[in-house]
Amino acid sequence: MLTTSHTDATEHANDDSGSDATEHAATIAVLTTPAFDAATDDITVGPCRLRCMKNELWILFKMNEEIERRFRVPVSLKQLLQKYEHTRFDADWSPTRFDAGGASKSWSATVESISRCTAAFQKATDATEHIQCQTIATKICDYAIALVRKTPVYCSHEDVLKLVHQFMQNRTYNLAFIHLLNQACLSEYEDGTFWNLLLWNSSQKEACLRTIEVCMDAIRNHERHLQRRMEAYKL
């Protein structure tokens, strides 16, 4: 399968307006070096755009289907912006849903809380805990608004929220790849699952594991990139 020389977390602009909780994250370009003289093609797996050999497209297509099935962002950008607008001119607004001390969290602690809540949302959706999902989504909105209120008044708060939402999308993809990687370690696979397709092909399974590693490395790099961009707005 593909090997990698390095990754490049280059974000491609896309229009987030009017999207819902299944909207797609910006693409991360992953620079790869397929076998010499092999017929190649581009394919997107999660947020990662890869160049691979044509005979590998079908399995990477299946991998992408599995990743997209688990792409569950807690709130859409539209919902996040609407929630912020509702509190924008409310001088008495406070994040009452935070745990003790939540209102005084530092910038980095607030970003980490958004990351943890995104992970908790995935577990809640797996367990079909709908009320808990809604509670987590509301809490994430509060954290995002608290983050915006830590930025100078002259900054574009919409831009900050867009970055927060991209951070959530990136984290959701990271969790989807982690889940797929964990499933590979099971002794038995359920019928119809991705790894069941590779049950009798150990070399292709190893190649897929390398691809997952490449994608996760690109996603981690992109997370750091987004954190730096958000911190540029910090007071």
Protein backbone atom coordinates (compact mmCIF):
# COMPACT_ATOMS: atom_id res chain seq x y z
CA MET A 1 0.00 0.00 0.00
CA LEU A 2 1.07 3.62 0.26
CA THR A 3 4.08 4.76 2.22
CA THR A 4 4.60 8.29 3.43
CA SER A 5 7.45 10.70 3.23
CA HIS A 6 5.75 13.31 5.40
CA THR A 7 2.34 14.81 6.04
CA ASP A 8 1.06 18.28 5.37
CA ALA A 9 -1.91 19.54 7.39
CA THR A 10 -2.97 22.06 4.76
CA GLU A 11 -6.53 23.24 5.19
CA HIS A 12 -8.70 23.80 2.15
CA ALA A 13 -11.39 26.44 2.50
CA ASN A 14 -15.00 25.32 2.52
CA ASP A 15 -18.31 27.01 3.27
CA ASP A 16 -19.60 26.11 6.73
CA SER A 17 -22.73 28.24 6.57
CA GLY A 18 -26.05 26.47 6.90
CA SER A 19 -24.49 23.13 7.70
CA ASP A 20 -25.71 20.53 10.16
CA ALA A 21 -24.08 18.10 12.58
CA THR A 22 -22.90 15.86 9.73
CA GLU A 23 -21.02 18.61 7.88
CA HIS A 24 -17.56 17.70 6.65
CA ALA A 25 -14.27 18.97 7.96
CA ALA A 26 -11.72 20.72 5.78
CA THR A 27 -9.49 18.34 3.86
CA ILE A 28 -6.00 17.54 5.14
CA ALA A 29 -3.56 16.85 2.32
CA VAL A 30 -1.38 13.83 3.09
CA LEU A 31 1.66 13.59 0.85
CA THR A 32 2.42 9.97 0.00
CA THR A 33 4.78 7.98 -2.22
CA PRO A 34 3.06 4.98 -3.84
CA ALA A 35 5.06 2.24 -5.53
CA PHE A 36 7.22 3.37 -8.42
CA ASP A 37 5.46 3.30 -11.82
CA ALA A 38 2.18 2.15 -10.25
CA ALA A 39 -1.13 3.47 -11.59
CA THR A 40 -2.38 5.85 -8.90
CA ASP A 41 -5.44 7.83 -7.94
CA ASP A 42 -6.55 10.22 -5.20
CA ILE A 43 -9.03 9.25 -2.52
CA THR A 44 -10.29 10.89 0.65
CA VAL A 45 -10.37 8.85 3.85
CA GLY A 46 -12.05 10.86 6.57
CA PRO A 47 -10.47 14.33 6.32
CA CYS A 48 -7.28 13.01 4.67
CA ARG A 49 -6.66 13.17 0.95
CA LEU A 50 -4.35 10.34 -0.09
CA ARG A 51 -2.68 9.19 -3.28
CA CYS A 52 -2.73 5.42 -3.58
CA MET A 53 -2.45 2.65 -6.14
CA LYS A 54 -5.64 2.03 -8.11
CA ASN A 55 -5.95 -1.57 -6.93
CA GLU A 56 -6.22 -0.26 -3.34
CA LEU A 57 -9.13 2.11 -3.98
CA TRP A 58 -11.87 -0.36 -3.06
CA ILE A 59 -10.55 -1.10 0.44
CA LEU A 60 -9.82 2.56 1.17
CA PHE A 61 -13.33 3.39 -0.01
CA LYS A 62 -14.65 0.88 2.54
CA MET A 63 -12.40 2.37 5.20
CA ASN A 64 -13.78 5.83 4.46
CA GLU A 65 -17.34 4.53 4.75
CA GLU A 66 -16.53 3.22 8.24
CA ILE A 67 -14.91 6.50 9.29
CA GLU A 68 -17.77 8.63 7.96
CA ARG A 69 -20.28 6.40 9.74
CA ARG A 70 -18.68 7.47 13.02
CA PHE A 71 -18.30 11.15 12.08
CA ARG A 72 -20.69 12.56 14.69
CA VAL A 73 -19.96 16.16 15.60
CA PRO A 74 -21.85 17.26 18.76
CA VAL A 75 -23.13 20.54 17.30
CA SER A 76 -23.14 22.18 13.89
CA LEU A 77 -21.45 25.49 13.22
CA LYS A 78 -24.87 27.03 12.58
CA GLN A 79 -26.08 25.91 16.02
CA LEU A 80 -22.89 27.20 17.64
CA LEU A 81 -23.26 30.62 16.03
CA GLN A 82 -26.95 30.82 16.94
CA LYS A 83 -26.24 29.96 20.56
CA TYR A 84 -23.55 32.64 20.69
CA GLU A 85 -25.89 35.26 19.20
CA HIS A 86 -28.46 34.48 21.90
CA THR A 87 -25.91 35.29 24.62
CA ARG A 88 -23.93 37.99 22.83
CA PHE A 89 -25.60 41.00 24.47
CA ASP A 90 -26.47 39.28 27.74
CA ALA A 91 -24.11 40.85 30.27
CA ASP A 92 -25.41 38.52 32.98
CA TRP A 93 -24.70 35.34 31.00
CA SER A 94 -22.65 32.79 32.86
CA PRO A 95 -21.79 29.18 32.08
CA THR A 96 -24.07 27.80 34.78
CA ARG A 97 -23.86 24.28 33.38
CA PHE A 98 -20.11 24.05 34.07
CA ASP A 99 -18.85 21.95 36.89
CA ALA A 100 -17.38 23.67 39.91
CA GLY A 101 -14.73 26.13 38.84
CA GLY A 102 -15.61 25.76 35.17
CA ALA A 103 -16.28 29.45 34.68
CA SER A 104 -12.70 30.29 35.68
CA LYS A 105 -11.01 27.71 33.46
CA SER A 106 -7.91 28.86 31.61
CA TRP A 107 -7.82 29.03 27.81
CA SER A 108 -6.03 25.70 27.42
CA ALA A 109 -8.27 24.02 30.01
CA THR A 110 -11.38 25.23 28.15
CA VAL A 111 -10.05 23.84 24.84
CA GLU A 112 -9.26 20.55 26.59
CA SER A 113 -12.81 20.47 27.99
CA ILE A 114 -14.21 20.85 24.47
CA SER A 115 -12.02 17.95 23.38
CA ARG A 116 -13.16 15.77 26.30
CA CYS A 117 -16.82 16.60 25.71
CA THR A 118 -16.47 15.65 22.05
CA ALA A 119 -15.14 12.25 23.14
CA ALA A 120 -17.93 11.87 25.69
CA PHE A 121 -20.48 12.64 22.99
CA GLN A 122 -19.22 9.70 20.90
CA LYS A 123 -19.65 7.32 23.85
CA ALA A 124 -23.12 8.68 24.54
CA THR A 125 -24.20 8.19 20.93
CA ASP A 126 -22.84 4.64 20.98
CA ALA A 127 -25.02 3.99 24.02
CA THR A 128 -27.98 5.86 22.43
CA GLU A 129 -28.18 8.12 25.47
CA HIS A 130 -30.07 10.92 23.75
CA ILE A 131 -30.59 13.11 26.82
CA GLN A 132 -26.92 12.85 27.70
CA CYS A 133 -25.99 13.74 24.11
CA GLN A 134 -28.06 16.90 24.34
CA THR A 135 -26.53 17.80 27.70
CA ILE A 136 -23.01 17.37 26.31
CA ALA A 137 -23.83 19.40 23.20
CA THR A 138 -25.16 22.25 25.38
CA LYS A 139 -22.07 22.10 27.55
CA ILE A 140 -19.79 22.31 24.50
CA CYS A 141 -21.64 25.43 23.34
CA ASP A 142 -21.09 26.98 26.77
CA TYR A 143 -17.39 26.18 26.66
CA ALA A 144 -17.10 27.63 23.15
CA ILE A 145 -18.86 30.84 24.21
CA ALA A 146 -16.64 31.08 27.30
CA LEU A 147 -13.63 30.79 24.98
CA VAL A 148 -14.93 33.59 22.75
CA ARG A 149 -15.34 35.80 25.82
CA LYS A 150 -11.64 35.38 26.50
CA THR A 151 -10.82 37.13 23.18
CA PRO A 152 -10.52 40.90 22.52
CA VAL A 153 -13.76 42.66 21.59
CA TYR A 154 -12.31 43.78 18.25
CA CYS A 155 -11.69 40.18 17.12
CA SER A 156 -14.08 38.36 14.80
CA HIS A 157 -15.91 36.09 17.21
CA GLU A 158 -17.44 34.22 14.28
CA ASP A 159 -13.93 33.31 13.10
CA VAL A 160 -13.06 32.00 16.58
CA LEU A 161 -16.19 29.84 16.65
CA LYS A 162 -15.40 28.51 13.18
CA LEU A 163 -11.99 27.41 14.45
CA VAL A 164 -13.58 25.83 17.53
CA HIS A 165 -15.93 23.91 15.29
CA GLN A 166 -13.10 22.76 13.02
CA PHE A 167 -11.31 21.61 16.18
CA MET A 168 -14.36 19.54 17.14
CA GLN A 169 -14.56 18.03 13.65
CA ASN A 170 -10.88 17.14 13.72
CA ARG A 171 -11.25 15.57 17.18
CA THR A 172 -14.26 13.56 15.98
CA TYR A 173 -12.25 12.15 13.08
CA ASN A 174 -9.40 11.32 15.45
CA LEU A 175 -11.81 9.33 17.63
CA ALA A 176 -13.24 7.55 14.58
CA PHE A 177 -9.76 6.38 13.54
CA ILE A 178 -8.96 5.32 17.12
CA HIS A 179 -12.14 3.23 17.16
CA LEU A 180 -11.22 1.62 13.84
CA LEU A 181 -7.73 0.86 15.15
CA ASN A 182 -9.12 -0.68 18.34
CA GLN A 183 -11.45 -2.87 16.31
CA ALA A 184 -8.43 -4.31 14.48
CA CYS A 185 -7.17 -5.73 17.78
CA LEU A 186 -10.27 -7.84 18.40
CA SER A 187 -9.89 -11.61 18.14
CA GLU A 188 -13.18 -11.87 16.22
CA TYR A 189 -14.91 -9.45 13.87
CA GLU A 190 -18.62 -8.96 13.40
CA ASP A 191 -20.06 -9.75 9.98
CA GLY A 192 -20.13 -6.74 7.69
CA THR A 193 -17.47 -4.78 9.58
CA PHE A 194 -14.45 -3.29 7.84
CA TRP A 195 -11.85 -5.65 9.31
CA ASN A 196 -13.98 -8.68 8.46
CA LEU A 197 -13.30 -7.85 4.79
CA LEU A 198 -9.59 -8.48 5.44
CA LEU A 199 -9.95 -11.59 7.57
CA TRP A 200 -7.86 -13.76 5.23
CA ASN A 201 -5.51 -11.10 3.93
CA SER A 202 -2.91 -10.24 6.59
CA SER A 203 -0.70 -8.20 4.24
CA GLN A 204 -3.58 -5.93 3.24
CA LYS A 205 -4.59 -5.59 6.88
CA GLU A 206 -1.06 -4.45 7.73
CA ALA A 207 -1.18 -1.98 4.86
CA CYS A 208 -4.48 -0.57 6.16
CA LEU A 209 -2.99 -0.20 9.63
CA ARG A 210 -0.14 1.83 8.12
CA THR A 211 -2.66 4.02 6.32
CA ILE A 212 -4.53 4.62 9.58
CA GLU A 213 -1.24 5.58 11.24
CA VAL A 214 -0.51 8.09 8.45
CA CYS A 215 -4.00 9.61 8.73
CA MET A 216 -3.87 9.84 12.52
CA ASP A 217 -0.48 11.54 12.34
CA ALA A 218 -1.90 14.13 9.92
CA ILE A 219 -4.94 14.67 12.15
CA ARG A 220 -2.74 15.21 15.23
CA ASN A 221 -0.64 17.73 13.28
CA HIS A 222 -3.81 19.51 12.18
CA GLU A 223 -5.03 19.62 15.79
CA ARG A 224 -1.87 21.47 16.83
CA HIS A 225 -2.29 23.77 13.83
CA LEU A 226 -5.87 24.63 14.89
CA GLN A 227 -4.83 25.17 18.50
CA ARG A 228 -2.17 27.66 17.40
CA ARG A 229 -4.70 29.50 15.25
CA MET A 230 -7.17 29.69 18.14
CA GLU A 231 -4.49 30.89 20.56
CA ALA A 232 -3.76 33.80 18.24
CA TYR A 233 -7.09 35.27 19.39
CA LYS A 234 -6.37 34.85 23.09
CA LEU A 235 -6.25 37.97 25.28
